[in-house]
Amino acid sequence: MKTYEKKGDKATRNGFGEALAELGDVMPELVVIGADVTGSVLTSFFQEKHPDRFFSVGVAEQNATTVAVGMALSGKVAVFSSYSAFSAFRNADQLRVSVCYNEANVKIGGAHSGITVGPDGATHQSLEELAFLRALPNLTLVSPCDYLEAKKATKAICEMAGPAFIRFGRPAVPMFTNDDTPFILGKANILREGNDVAIIACGLLVWQALLAAEKLQEVHGINARVINMHTIKPIDVQAIVDASLECKCIVTAEEHQVHGGLGGAVAEVTAKNSPVPIEIVGMKDTFGGSGEPFELIEKYGLTWKEIYASALVAIERKNGTFNKIRQVKDIASYHEGL
């Protein structure tokens, strides 16, 4: 039962850049600050169309963020973007105090997130920012699944009031949403119906979740619900509670550490409202390495195969038939023959 078809490949950073350029035509108060990676994060699209509202501060992410805050407190909608490794972590203090404490109307673009930044290696592979950012008061946090959703998400955070952070990547990834696919901040999208297991994913792994759901149906007749949790904060509590009550087991999937990200957020909601077995697919408490993006995705177990295997484990736990000591090798054993 295929519910979404791949319609080519395009980077989520393109959606971010194109959205800013289009918003510049209708939002005269929109300004963009760059930090010498304009061409990489594609704020260059805005710079080309609206050069009088683009400001480069050089390789100075902390300064760029405080400049953005000053502009926002003067009535502008200020956007700053750099690689997530820098825009989230290098200016952590500025995000916490200057942006979030002041509830400044600043939007931060976290580019080249996840392990798919590839050859740049572990120092540039931001795999921890969801854990840090979702703990900040007043901050809206978004991780779109494809190019078009990144475009919609960028427009949505620029049109809302207050601080926001959007996470997006460098390589071309599958496009599978369309113009009619709804996007509302804080409201998850159910991409596939099912009550045997719920797969809750964000970013790049939403497509992998759909692939896993198809394989579960094909091989085992398992109907998996696939939920695109594009907004990490505020998270859609109702969608998670419904999934736990109706499916009675959950798998989360993210291009992020297994600690503190989407999986942690989902576990917090279920622990309080409706506890069920949860399996978390993500980076297993390790740094990445240098390599081609999708070779790294395979190496670190961030594909549909890991989601598929984790769903089988979750269902066994739900049914009380999984009694092994929990180790990665137990999940990996389900990969045989795939």
C-alpha atoms as a PDB file:
ATOM      1  CA  MET A   1       0.000   0.000   0.000  1.00  0.00           C
ATOM      2  CA  LYS A   2       2.084   2.903  -1.267  1.00  0.00           C
ATOM      3  CA  THR A   3       0.819   6.264  -0.113  1.00  0.00           C
ATOM      4  CA  TYR A   4       3.643   8.489  -1.353  1.00  0.00           C
ATOM      5  CA  GLU A   5       5.715   8.320  -4.515  1.00  0.00           C
ATOM      6  CA  LYS A   6       9.200   9.662  -4.992  1.00  0.00           C
ATOM      7  CA  LYS A   7       9.273  12.571  -7.447  1.00  0.00           C
ATOM      8  CA  GLY A   8      12.991  13.069  -7.877  1.00  0.00           C
ATOM      9  CA  ASP A   9      15.659  14.353  -5.513  1.00  0.00           C
ATOM     10  CA  LYS A  10      16.369  17.845  -4.233  1.00  0.00           C
ATOM     11  CA  ALA A  11      18.143  19.208  -1.160  1.00  0.00           C
ATOM     12  CA  THR A  12      16.156  20.629   1.727  1.00  0.00           C
ATOM     13  CA  ARG A  13      18.555  23.598   1.736  1.00  0.00           C
ATOM     14  CA  ASN A  14      17.056  24.564  -1.648  1.00  0.00           C
ATOM     15  CA  GLY A  15      13.635  24.823  -0.053  1.00  0.00           C
ATOM     16  CA  PHE A  16      15.050  27.091   2.646  1.00  0.00           C
ATOM     17  CA  GLY A  17      16.832  29.376   0.199  1.00  0.00           C
ATOM     18  CA  GLU A  18      13.984  29.607  -2.284  1.00  0.00           C
ATOM     19  CA  ALA A  19      11.459  30.365   0.450  1.00  0.00           C
ATOM     20  CA  LEU A  20      13.553  33.271   1.756  1.00  0.00           C
ATOM     21  CA  ALA A  21      13.884  34.757  -1.719  1.00  0.00           C
ATOM     22  CA  GLU A  22      10.122  34.539  -2.274  1.00  0.00           C
ATOM     23  CA  LEU A  23       9.302  35.920   1.162  1.00  0.00           C
ATOM     24  CA  GLY A  24      11.560  38.879   0.469  1.00  0.00           C
ATOM     25  CA  ASP A  25       9.145  39.954  -2.270  1.00  0.00           C
ATOM     26  CA  VAL A  26       6.200  40.233   0.144  1.00  0.00           C
ATOM     27  CA  MET A  27       7.884  40.919   3.500  1.00  0.00           C
ATOM     28  CA  PRO A  28       9.790  44.203   3.335  1.00  0.00           C
ATOM     29  CA  GLU A  29      10.697  43.763   7.013  1.00  0.00           C
ATOM     30  CA  LEU A  30      12.626  40.540   6.279  1.00  0.00           C
ATOM     31  CA  VAL A  31      16.413  40.780   6.586  1.00  0.00           C
ATOM     32  CA  VAL A  32      19.031  38.049   6.237  1.00  0.00           C
ATOM     33  CA  ILE A  33      22.456  37.857   7.866  1.00  0.00           C
ATOM     34  CA  GLY A  34      25.251  35.758   6.380  1.00  0.00           C
ATOM     35  CA  ALA A  35      28.523  34.355   7.710  1.00  0.00           C
ATOM     36  CA  ASP A  36      30.659  33.560   4.656  1.00  0.00           C
ATOM     37  CA  VAL A  37      28.794  30.342   3.793  1.00  0.00           C
ATOM     38  CA  THR A  38      26.016  32.095   1.888  1.00  0.00           C
ATOM     39  CA  GLY A  39      26.419  29.903  -1.185  1.00  0.00           C
ATOM     40  CA  SER A  40      26.361  26.719   0.875  1.00  0.00           C
ATOM     41  CA  VAL A  41      23.263  27.497   2.897  1.00  0.00           C
ATOM     42  CA  LEU A  42      21.611  29.146  -0.139  1.00  0.00           C
ATOM     43  CA  THR A  43      20.781  32.449   1.498  1.00  0.00           C
ATOM     44  CA  SER A  44      22.494  33.578  -1.712  1.00  0.00           C
ATOM     45  CA  PHE A  45      19.053  33.370  -3.344  1.00  0.00           C
ATOM     46  CA  PHE A  46      17.827  36.142  -1.063  1.00  0.00           C
ATOM     47  CA  GLN A  47      21.047  38.110  -1.457  1.00  0.00           C
ATOM     48  CA  GLU A  48      20.685  38.120  -5.259  1.00  0.00           C
ATOM     49  CA  LYS A  49      17.085  39.375  -5.178  1.00  0.00           C
ATOM     50  CA  HIS A  50      17.299  41.702  -2.176  1.00  0.00           C
ATOM     51  CA  PRO A  51      20.928  42.816  -1.772  1.00  0.00           C
ATOM     52  CA  ASP A  52      19.927  45.900   0.234  1.00  0.00           C
ATOM     53  CA  ARG A  53      18.507  43.640   2.982  1.00  0.00           C
ATOM     54  CA  PHE A  54      21.356  41.139   3.125  1.00  0.00           C
ATOM     55  CA  PHE A  55      24.233  41.675   5.575  1.00  0.00           C
ATOM     56  CA  SER A  56      27.423  39.641   5.740  1.00  0.00           C
ATOM     57  CA  VAL A  57      29.308  39.694   9.041  1.00  0.00           C
ATOM     58  CA  GLY A  58      32.032  37.229   8.088  1.00  0.00           C
ATOM     59  CA  VAL A  59      32.912  34.046   9.945  1.00  0.00           C
ATOM     60  CA  ALA A  60      31.431  35.264  13.231  1.00  0.00           C
ATOM     61  CA  GLU A  61      28.354  33.237  14.098  1.00  0.00           C
ATOM     62  CA  GLN A  62      27.965  34.646  17.601  1.00  0.00           C
ATOM     63  CA  ASN A  63      28.131  38.194  16.290  1.00  0.00           C
ATOM     64  CA  ALA A  64      25.688  37.355  13.498  1.00  0.00           C
ATOM     65  CA  THR A  65      23.159  36.100  16.001  1.00  0.00           C
ATOM     66  CA  THR A  66      23.365  39.192  18.191  1.00  0.00           C
ATOM     67  CA  VAL A  67      23.121  41.405  15.087  1.00  0.00           C
ATOM     68  CA  ALA A  68      19.978  39.481  14.149  1.00  0.00           C
ATOM     69  CA  VAL A  69      18.568  40.056  17.645  1.00  0.00           C
ATOM     70  CA  GLY A  70      19.221  43.797  17.407  1.00  0.00           C
ATOM     71  CA  MET A  71      17.438  43.968  14.074  1.00  0.00           C
ATOM     72  CA  ALA A  72      14.535  41.888  15.375  1.00  0.00           C
ATOM     73  CA  LEU A  73      14.098  44.091  18.436  1.00  0.00           C
ATOM     74  CA  SER A  74      14.010  47.056  16.050  1.00  0.00           C
ATOM     75  CA  GLY A  75      11.034  45.624  14.195  1.00  0.00           C
ATOM     76  CA  LYS A  76      12.628  43.395  11.563  1.00  0.00           C
ATOM     77  CA  VAL A  77      12.151  39.685  10.909  1.00  0.00           C
ATOM     78  CA  ALA A  78      15.775  38.585  11.067  1.00  0.00           C
ATOM     79  CA  VAL A  79      17.136  35.347   9.603  1.00  0.00           C
ATOM     80  CA  PHE A  80      20.625  34.011  10.172  1.00  0.00           C
ATOM     81  CA  SER A  81      21.934  30.758   8.754  1.00  0.00           C
ATOM     82  CA  SER A  82      25.136  28.789   9.003  1.00  0.00           C
ATOM     83  CA  TYR A  83      26.038  25.138   9.437  1.00  0.00           C
ATOM     84  CA  SER A  84      24.172  23.652  12.414  1.00  0.00           C
ATOM     85  CA  ALA A  85      27.467  22.730  14.039  1.00  0.00           C
ATOM     86  CA  PHE A  86      28.053  26.474  14.352  1.00  0.00           C
ATOM     87  CA  SER A  87      24.609  28.122  14.359  1.00  0.00           C
ATOM     88  CA  ALA A  88      23.393  25.824  17.139  1.00  0.00           C
ATOM     89  CA  PHE A  89      26.486  25.126  19.209  1.00  0.00           C
ATOM     90  CA  ARG A  90      29.064  27.829  18.649  1.00  0.00           C
ATOM     91  CA  ASN A  91      26.545  30.481  19.592  1.00  0.00           C
ATOM     92  CA  ALA A  92      24.651  28.477  22.207  1.00  0.00           C
ATOM     93  CA  ASP A  93      24.856  31.314  24.716  1.00  0.00           C
ATOM     94  CA  GLN A  94      23.539  33.854  22.194  1.00  0.00           C
ATOM     95  CA  LEU A  95      20.651  31.557  21.298  1.00  0.00           C
ATOM     96  CA  ARG A  96      19.744  30.983  24.917  1.00  0.00           C
ATOM     97  CA  VAL A  97      20.048  34.504  26.298  1.00  0.00           C
ATOM     98  CA  SER A  98      19.872  36.949  23.398  1.00  0.00           C
ATOM     99  CA  VAL A  99      17.330  35.144  21.224  1.00  0.00           C
ATOM    100  CA  CYS A 100      15.137  32.969  23.433  1.00  0.00           C
ATOM    101  CA  TYR A 101      15.209  34.917  26.696  1.00  0.00           C
ATOM    102  CA  ASN A 102      14.233  38.075  24.788  1.00  0.00           C
ATOM    103  CA  GLU A 103      11.696  36.180  22.657  1.00  0.00           C
ATOM    104  CA  ALA A 104      13.300  37.957  19.710  1.00  0.00           C
ATOM    105  CA  ASN A 105      11.792  37.488  16.272  1.00  0.00           C
ATOM    106  CA  VAL A 106      14.912  35.703  15.007  1.00  0.00           C
ATOM    107  CA  LYS A 107      14.912  32.667  12.738  1.00  0.00           C
ATOM    108  CA  ILE A 108      18.015  30.472  12.690  1.00  0.00           C
ATOM    109  CA  GLY A 109      18.795  28.192   9.773  1.00  0.00           C
ATOM    110  CA  GLY A 110      20.768  25.104  10.781  1.00  0.00           C
ATOM    111  CA  ALA A 111      22.279  23.914   7.521  1.00  0.00           C
ATOM    112  CA  HIS A 112      24.256  20.753   6.759  1.00  0.00           C
ATOM    113  CA  SER A 113      22.653  18.959   9.697  1.00  0.00           C
ATOM    114  CA  GLY A 114      22.990  15.266  10.347  1.00  0.00           C
ATOM    115  CA  ILE A 115      25.521  12.777   9.127  1.00  0.00           C
ATOM    116  CA  THR A 116      24.728  13.371   5.447  1.00  0.00           C
ATOM    117  CA  VAL A 117      27.042  16.371   5.337  1.00  0.00           C
ATOM    118  CA  GLY A 118      29.356  13.468   4.521  1.00  0.00           C
ATOM    119  CA  PRO A 119      33.019  14.093   3.675  1.00  0.00           C
ATOM    120  CA  ASP A 120      33.268  17.113   6.003  1.00  0.00           C
ATOM    121  CA  GLY A 121      33.488  14.604   8.843  1.00  0.00           C
ATOM    122  CA  ALA A 122      32.481  14.427  12.469  1.00  0.00           C
ATOM    123  CA  THR A 123      33.250  18.057  13.375  1.00  0.00           C
ATOM    124  CA  HIS A 124      30.659  19.288  10.865  1.00  0.00           C
ATOM    125  CA  GLN A 125      28.078  16.525  11.359  1.00  0.00           C
ATOM    126  CA  SER A 126      25.638  18.104  13.779  1.00  0.00           C
ATOM    127  CA  LEU A 127      23.889  15.202  15.484  1.00  0.00           C
ATOM    128  CA  GLU A 128      23.054  16.669  18.869  1.00  0.00           C
ATOM    129  CA  GLU A 129      21.312  19.983  18.264  1.00  0.00           C
ATOM    130  CA  LEU A 130      17.741  18.726  18.689  1.00  0.00           C
ATOM    131  CA  ALA A 131      18.567  17.705  22.255  1.00  0.00           C
ATOM    132  CA  PHE A 132      19.973  21.134  23.059  1.00  0.00           C
ATOM    133  CA  LEU A 133      17.491  23.268  21.151  1.00  0.00           C
ATOM    134  CA  ARG A 134      14.285  21.649  22.343  1.00  0.00           C
ATOM    135  CA  ALA A 135      15.296  22.467  25.906  1.00  0.00           C
ATOM    136  CA  LEU A 136      15.335  26.207  25.170  1.00  0.00           C
ATOM    137  CA  PRO A 137      12.188  28.074  26.258  1.00  0.00           C
ATOM    138  CA  ASN A 138      10.223  30.001  23.610  1.00  0.00           C
ATOM    139  CA  LEU A 139      11.948  28.282  20.648  1.00  0.00           C
ATOM    140  CA  THR A 140      10.027  26.619  17.800  1.00  0.00           C
ATOM    141  CA  LEU A 141      12.084  23.754  16.322  1.00  0.00           C
ATOM    142  CA  VAL A 142      11.434  22.267  12.882  1.00  0.00           C
ATOM    143  CA  SER A 143      13.041  19.393  10.960  1.00  0.00           C
ATOM    144  CA  PRO A 144      11.375  19.102   7.514  1.00  0.00           C
ATOM    145  CA  CYS A 145      11.369  15.854   5.545  1.00  0.00           C
ATOM    146  CA  ASP A 146      11.973  17.027   1.969  1.00  0.00           C
ATOM    147  CA  TYR A 147      12.567  20.036  -0.270  1.00  0.00           C
ATOM    148  CA  LEU A 148       8.966  21.197  -0.486  1.00  0.00           C
ATOM    149  CA  GLU A 149       8.296  20.789   3.213  1.00  0.00           C
ATOM    150  CA  ALA A 150      11.470  22.758   3.955  1.00  0.00           C
ATOM    151  CA  LYS A 151      10.103  25.539   1.778  1.00  0.00           C
ATOM    152  CA  LYS A 152       6.757  25.510   3.586  1.00  0.00           C
ATOM    153  CA  ALA A 153       8.430  25.328   6.990  1.00  0.00           C
ATOM    154  CA  THR A 154      10.712  28.278   6.239  1.00  0.00           C
ATOM    155  CA  LYS A 155       7.754  30.422   5.265  1.00  0.00           C
ATOM    156  CA  ALA A 156       5.816  29.293   8.344  1.00  0.00           C
ATOM    157  CA  ILE A 157       8.542  30.193  10.843  1.00  0.00           C
ATOM    158  CA  CYS A 158       9.152  33.561   9.176  1.00  0.00           C
ATOM    159  CA  GLU A 159       5.461  34.404   9.327  1.00  0.00           C
ATOM    160  CA  MET A 160       5.087  33.439  13.011  1.00  0.00           C
ATOM    161  CA  ALA A 161       6.214  35.659  15.874  1.00  0.00           C
ATOM    162  CA  GLY A 162       9.152  34.650  18.037  1.00  0.00           C
ATOM    163  CA  PRO A 163      12.329  32.558  17.871  1.00  0.00           C
ATOM    164  CA  ALA A 164      12.570  29.549  15.572  1.00  0.00           C
ATOM    165  CA  PHE A 165      15.209  27.115  14.346  1.00  0.00           C
ATOM    166  CA  ILE A 166      14.942  25.066  11.146  1.00  0.00           C
ATOM    167  CA  ARG A 167      17.199  22.074  10.529  1.00  0.00           C
ATOM    168  CA  PHE A 168      18.067  21.104   6.953  1.00  0.00           C
ATOM    169  CA  GLY A 169      20.699  19.217   4.984  1.00  0.00           C
ATOM    170  CA  ARG A 170      23.145  19.493   2.107  1.00  0.00           C
ATOM    171  CA  PRO A 171      22.599  16.529  -0.257  1.00  0.00           C
ATOM    172  CA  ALA A 172      19.718  15.941  -2.612  1.00  0.00           C
ATOM    173  CA  VAL A 173      17.123  13.712  -0.935  1.00  0.00           C
ATOM    174  CA  PRO A 174      13.838  12.161  -2.118  1.00  0.00           C
ATOM    175  CA  MET A 175      10.948  14.527  -2.811  1.00  0.00           C
ATOM    176  CA  PHE A 176       7.611  12.934  -1.968  1.00  0.00           C
ATOM    177  CA  THR A 177       5.295  15.568  -0.488  1.00  0.00           C
ATOM    178  CA  ASN A 178       3.313  17.860  -2.774  1.00  0.00           C
ATOM    179  CA  ASP A 179       1.702  21.283  -2.799  1.00  0.00           C
ATOM    180  CA  ASP A 180      -1.449  19.883  -1.192  1.00  0.00           C
ATOM    181  CA  THR A 181       0.348  18.166   1.682  1.00  0.00           C
ATOM    182  CA  PRO A 182      -0.620  20.206   4.746  1.00  0.00           C
ATOM    183  CA  PHE A 183       2.006  21.906   6.862  1.00  0.00           C
ATOM    184  CA  ILE A 184       1.014  23.413  10.197  1.00  0.00           C
ATOM    185  CA  LEU A 185       3.627  24.133  12.852  1.00  0.00           C
ATOM    186  CA  GLY A 186       3.113  21.823  15.808  1.00  0.00           C
ATOM    187  CA  LYS A 187       0.791  19.430  13.974  1.00  0.00           C
ATOM    188  CA  ALA A 188       2.193  16.126  12.721  1.00  0.00           C
ATOM    189  CA  ASN A 189       1.171  14.603   9.393  1.00  0.00           C
ATOM    190  CA  ILE A 190      -0.010  10.994   9.220  1.00  0.00           C
ATOM    191  CA  LEU A 191       1.417   9.796   5.908  1.00  0.00           C
ATOM    192  CA  ARG A 192       0.257   6.203   6.208  1.00  0.00           C
ATOM    193  CA  GLU A 193      -2.507   4.655   8.276  1.00  0.00           C
ATOM    194  CA  GLY A 194      -2.012   1.543  10.384  1.00  0.00           C
ATOM    195  CA  ASN A 195      -2.558   0.197  13.893  1.00  0.00           C
ATOM    196  CA  ASP A 196       0.077  -2.545  14.284  1.00  0.00           C
ATOM    197  CA  VAL A 197       2.995  -0.203  15.017  1.00  0.00           C
ATOM    198  CA  ALA A 198       3.541   3.537  14.763  1.00  0.00           C
ATOM    199  CA  ILE A 199       6.702   4.870  13.127  1.00  0.00           C
ATOM    200  CA  ILE A 200       7.330   8.477  14.079  1.00  0.00           C
ATOM    201  CA  ALA A 201      10.107  10.114  12.081  1.00  0.00           C
ATOM    202  CA  CYS A 202      11.501  13.510  11.159  1.00  0.00           C
ATOM    203  CA  GLY A 203      13.775  14.895   8.477  1.00  0.00           C
ATOM    204  CA  LEU A 204      15.518  12.533   6.088  1.00  0.00           C
ATOM    205  CA  LEU A 205      14.248   9.436   7.871  1.00  0.00           C
ATOM    206  CA  VAL A 206      10.583  10.084   7.077  1.00  0.00           C
ATOM    207  CA  TRP A 207      11.160   8.663   3.582  1.00  0.00           C
ATOM    208  CA  GLN A 208      13.023   5.709   5.088  1.00  0.00           C
ATOM    209  CA  ALA A 209      10.067   5.162   7.419  1.00  0.00           C
ATOM    210  CA  LEU A 210       7.711   4.948   4.449  1.00  0.00           C
ATOM    211  CA  LEU A 211       9.998   2.390   2.795  1.00  0.00           C
ATOM    212  CA  ALA A 212      10.104   0.360   6.002  1.00  0.00           C
ATOM    213  CA  ALA A 213       6.315   0.431   6.278  1.00  0.00           C
ATOM    214  CA  GLU A 214       5.957  -0.908   2.745  1.00  0.00           C
ATOM    215  CA  LYS A 215       8.364  -3.762   3.491  1.00  0.00           C
ATOM    216  CA  LEU A 216       6.557  -4.606   6.747  1.00  0.00           C
ATOM    217  CA  GLN A 217       3.297  -4.855   4.793  1.00  0.00           C
ATOM    218  CA  GLU A 218       4.857  -6.863   1.986  1.00  0.00           C
ATOM    219  CA  VAL A 219       6.752  -9.390   4.119  1.00  0.00           C
ATOM    220  CA  HIS A 220       4.650  -9.687   7.266  1.00  0.00           C
ATOM    221  CA  GLY A 221       1.267  -8.133   6.512  1.00  0.00           C
ATOM    222  CA  ILE A 222       1.990  -5.547   9.209  1.00  0.00           C
ATOM    223  CA  ASN A 223       0.139  -2.242   8.881  1.00  0.00           C
ATOM    224  CA  ALA A 224       2.431   0.481  10.131  1.00  0.00           C
ATOM    225  CA  ARG A 225       1.272   4.013  10.816  1.00  0.00           C
ATOM    226  CA  VAL A 226       3.855   6.517   9.553  1.00  0.00           C
ATOM    227  CA  ILE A 227       3.883   9.928  11.207  1.00  0.00           C
ATOM    228  CA  ASN A 228       5.940  12.846   9.958  1.00  0.00           C
ATOM    229  CA  MET A 229       6.807  14.749  13.152  1.00  0.00           C
ATOM    230  CA  HIS A 230       8.238  17.773  11.361  1.00  0.00           C
ATOM    231  CA  THR A 231       7.875  20.038  14.396  1.00  0.00           C
ATOM    232  CA  ILE A 232       9.991  18.807  17.281  1.00  0.00           C
ATOM    233  CA  LYS A 233       8.854  21.681  19.500  1.00  0.00           C
ATOM    234  CA  PRO A 234       6.036  22.277  20.147  1.00  0.00           C
ATOM    235  CA  ILE A 235       5.556  18.563  19.576  1.00  0.00           C
ATOM    236  CA  ASP A 236       2.173  17.145  18.599  1.00  0.00           C
ATOM    237  CA  VAL A 237       1.235  15.446  21.874  1.00  0.00           C
ATOM    238  CA  GLN A 238      -2.144  14.270  20.600  1.00  0.00           C
ATOM    239  CA  ALA A 239      -0.667  12.465  17.587  1.00  0.00           C
ATOM    240  CA  ILE A 240       1.765  10.625  19.874  1.00  0.00           C
ATOM    241  CA  VAL A 241      -0.887   9.702  22.438  1.00  0.00           C
ATOM    242  CA  ASP A 242      -3.229   8.478  19.696  1.00  0.00           C
ATOM    243  CA  ALA A 243      -0.426   6.369  18.221  1.00  0.00           C
ATOM    244  CA  SER A 244       0.447   4.827  21.578  1.00  0.00           C
ATOM    245  CA  LEU A 245      -3.170   4.023  22.436  1.00  0.00           C
ATOM    246  CA  GLU A 246      -4.111   2.678  19.000  1.00  0.00           C
ATOM    247  CA  CYS A 247      -0.860   0.973  17.923  1.00  0.00           C
ATOM    248  CA  LYS A 248       0.474   0.090  21.396  1.00  0.00           C
ATOM    249  CA  CYS A 249       4.108   0.282  20.277  1.00  0.00           C
ATOM    250  CA  ILE A 250       6.250   2.943  18.621  1.00  0.00           C
ATOM    251  CA  VAL A 251       9.452   3.293  16.614  1.00  0.00           C
ATOM    252  CA  THR A 252      11.088   6.697  16.278  1.00  0.00           C
ATOM    253  CA  ALA A 253      13.622   7.532  13.582  1.00  0.00           C
ATOM    254  CA  GLU A 254      15.890  10.548  13.200  1.00  0.00           C
ATOM    255  CA  GLU A 255      19.244  11.600  11.742  1.00  0.00           C
ATOM    256  CA  HIS A 256      20.407  12.510  15.235  1.00  0.00           C
ATOM    257  CA  GLN A 257      21.786  10.929  18.382  1.00  0.00           C
ATOM    258  CA  VAL A 258      19.410   8.487  20.065  1.00  0.00           C
ATOM    259  CA  HIS A 259      19.684  10.571  23.235  1.00  0.00           C
ATOM    260  CA  GLY A 260      17.596  13.684  23.660  1.00  0.00           C
ATOM    261  CA  GLY A 261      16.161  14.127  20.183  1.00  0.00           C
ATOM    262  CA  LEU A 262      12.832  13.117  18.658  1.00  0.00           C
ATOM    263  CA  GLY A 263      12.956   9.728  20.369  1.00  0.00           C
ATOM    264  CA  GLY A 264      13.457  11.350  23.741  1.00  0.00           C
ATOM    265  CA  ALA A 265      10.623  13.792  23.131  1.00  0.00           C
ATOM    266  CA  VAL A 266       8.233  10.993  22.140  1.00  0.00           C
ATOM    267  CA  ALA A 267       9.286   8.922  25.158  1.00  0.00           C
ATOM    268  CA  GLU A 268       8.567  11.868  27.465  1.00  0.00           C
ATOM    269  CA  VAL A 269       5.050  12.192  26.076  1.00  0.00           C
ATOM    270  CA  THR A 270       4.243   8.484  26.317  1.00  0.00           C
ATOM    271  CA  ALA A 271       5.780   8.108  29.789  1.00  0.00           C
ATOM    272  CA  LYS A 272       3.416  10.769  31.082  1.00  0.00           C
ATOM    273  CA  ASN A 273       0.290   9.843  29.137  1.00  0.00           C
ATOM    274  CA  SER A 274       0.318   6.290  27.772  1.00  0.00           C
ATOM    275  CA  PRO A 275       3.482   4.174  28.233  1.00  0.00           C
ATOM    276  CA  VAL A 276       4.209   1.673  25.463  1.00  0.00           C
ATOM    277  CA  PRO A 277       7.313  -0.122  24.091  1.00  0.00           C
ATOM    278  CA  ILE A 278       9.470   2.311  22.118  1.00  0.00           C
ATOM    279  CA  GLU A 279      12.437   1.609  19.851  1.00  0.00           C
ATOM    280  CA  ILE A 280      14.643   4.562  18.865  1.00  0.00           C
ATOM    281  CA  VAL A 281      16.506   4.574  15.556  1.00  0.00           C
ATOM    282  CA  GLY A 282      19.344   7.092  15.351  1.00  0.00           C
ATOM    283  CA  MET A 283      23.066   7.529  15.937  1.00  0.00           C
ATOM    284  CA  LYS A 284      24.009   5.180  18.752  1.00  0.00           C
ATOM    285  CA  ASP A 285      25.993   7.498  21.025  1.00  0.00           C
ATOM    286  CA  THR A 286      28.867   7.872  18.585  1.00  0.00           C
ATOM    287  CA  PHE A 287      30.437  10.468  16.341  1.00  0.00           C
ATOM    288  CA  GLY A 288      30.276   9.951  12.610  1.00  0.00           C
ATOM    289  CA  GLY A 289      33.090   9.700  10.106  1.00  0.00           C
ATOM    290  CA  SER A 290      34.065  11.020   6.717  1.00  0.00           C
ATOM    291  CA  GLY A 291      32.407   9.431   3.706  1.00  0.00           C
ATOM    292  CA  GLU A 292      29.737   9.802   1.069  1.00  0.00           C
ATOM    293  CA  PRO A 293      26.379  10.793   2.597  1.00  0.00           C
ATOM    294  CA  PHE A 294      24.401   7.659   1.900  1.00  0.00           C
ATOM    295  CA  GLU A 295      27.319   5.358   2.611  1.00  0.00           C
ATOM    296  CA  LEU A 296      27.336   6.876   6.091  1.00  0.00           C
ATOM    297  CA  ILE A 297      23.582   6.432   6.412  1.00  0.00           C
ATOM    298  CA  GLU A 298      24.094   2.723   5.725  1.00  0.00           C
ATOM    299  CA  LYS A 299      27.138   2.427   7.981  1.00  0.00           C
ATOM    300  CA  TYR A 300      25.431   3.930  10.993  1.00  0.00           C
ATOM    301  CA  GLY A 301      22.099   2.146  10.608  1.00  0.00           C
ATOM    302  CA  LEU A 302      19.879   5.037   9.570  1.00  0.00           C
ATOM    303  CA  THR A 303      18.016   3.293   6.739  1.00  0.00           C
ATOM    304  CA  TRP A 304      14.634   1.657   6.325  1.00  0.00           C
ATOM    305  CA  LYS A 305      16.223  -1.659   7.323  1.00  0.00           C
ATOM    306  CA  GLU A 306      16.893  -0.493  10.865  1.00  0.00           C
ATOM    307  CA  ILE A 307      13.388   0.950  11.109  1.00  0.00           C
ATOM    308  CA  TYR A 308      11.901  -2.283   9.759  1.00  0.00           C
ATOM    309  CA  ALA A 309      13.886  -4.377  12.239  1.00  0.00           C
ATOM    310  CA  SER A 310      13.029  -2.077  15.135  1.00  0.00           C
ATOM    311  CA  ALA A 311       9.333  -2.305  14.267  1.00  0.00           C
ATOM    312  CA  LEU A 312       9.483  -6.089  14.511  1.00  0.00           C
ATOM    313  CA  VAL A 313      11.188  -5.823  17.907  1.00  0.00           C
ATOM    314  CA  ALA A 314       8.616  -3.271  19.104  1.00  0.00           C
ATOM    315  CA  ILE A 315       5.754  -5.533  18.073  1.00  0.00           C
ATOM    316  CA  GLU A 316       7.341  -8.508  19.833  1.00  0.00           C
ATOM    317  CA  ARG A 317       7.769  -6.415  22.968  1.00  0.00           C
ATOM    318  CA  LYS A 318       4.124  -5.355  22.721  1.00  0.00           C
ATOM    319  CA  ASN A 319       3.084  -8.985  22.434  1.00  0.00           C
ATOM    320  CA  GLY A 320       5.380 -10.114  25.254  1.00  0.00           C
ATOM    321  CA  THR A 321       7.421 -12.416  23.026  1.00  0.00           C
ATOM    322  CA  PHE A 322      10.735 -10.528  22.993  1.00  0.00           C
ATOM    323  CA  ASN A 323      12.750 -11.689  25.995  1.00  0.00           C
ATOM    324  CA  LYS A 324      16.354 -11.262  24.893  1.00  0.00           C
ATOM    325  CA  ILE A 325      18.842  -8.929  26.523  1.00  0.00           C
ATOM    326  CA  ARG A 326      18.581  -5.715  24.505  1.00  0.00           C
ATOM    327  CA  GLN A 327      21.608  -5.301  22.271  1.00  0.00           C
ATOM    328  CA  VAL A 328      22.144  -3.889  18.808  1.00  0.00           C
ATOM    329  CA  LYS A 329      22.930  -7.381  17.516  1.00  0.00           C
ATOM    330  CA  ASP A 330      19.376  -8.469  18.365  1.00  0.00           C
ATOM    331  CA  ILE A 331      17.954  -5.844  16.040  1.00  0.00           C
ATOM    332  CA  ALA A 332      20.597  -6.477  13.392  1.00  0.00           C
ATOM    333  CA  SER A 333      19.568 -10.137  13.242  1.00  0.00           C
ATOM    334  CA  TYR A 334      16.297  -9.065  11.646  1.00  0.00           C
ATOM    335  CA  HIS A 335      18.204  -7.692   8.656  1.00  0.00           C
ATOM    336  CA  GLU A 336      18.985 -11.147   7.319  1.00  0.00           C
ATOM    337  CA  GLY A 337      17.631 -11.635   3.819  1.00  0.00           C
ATOM    338  CA  LEU A 338      16.841  -7.960   3.212  1.00  0.00           C
END
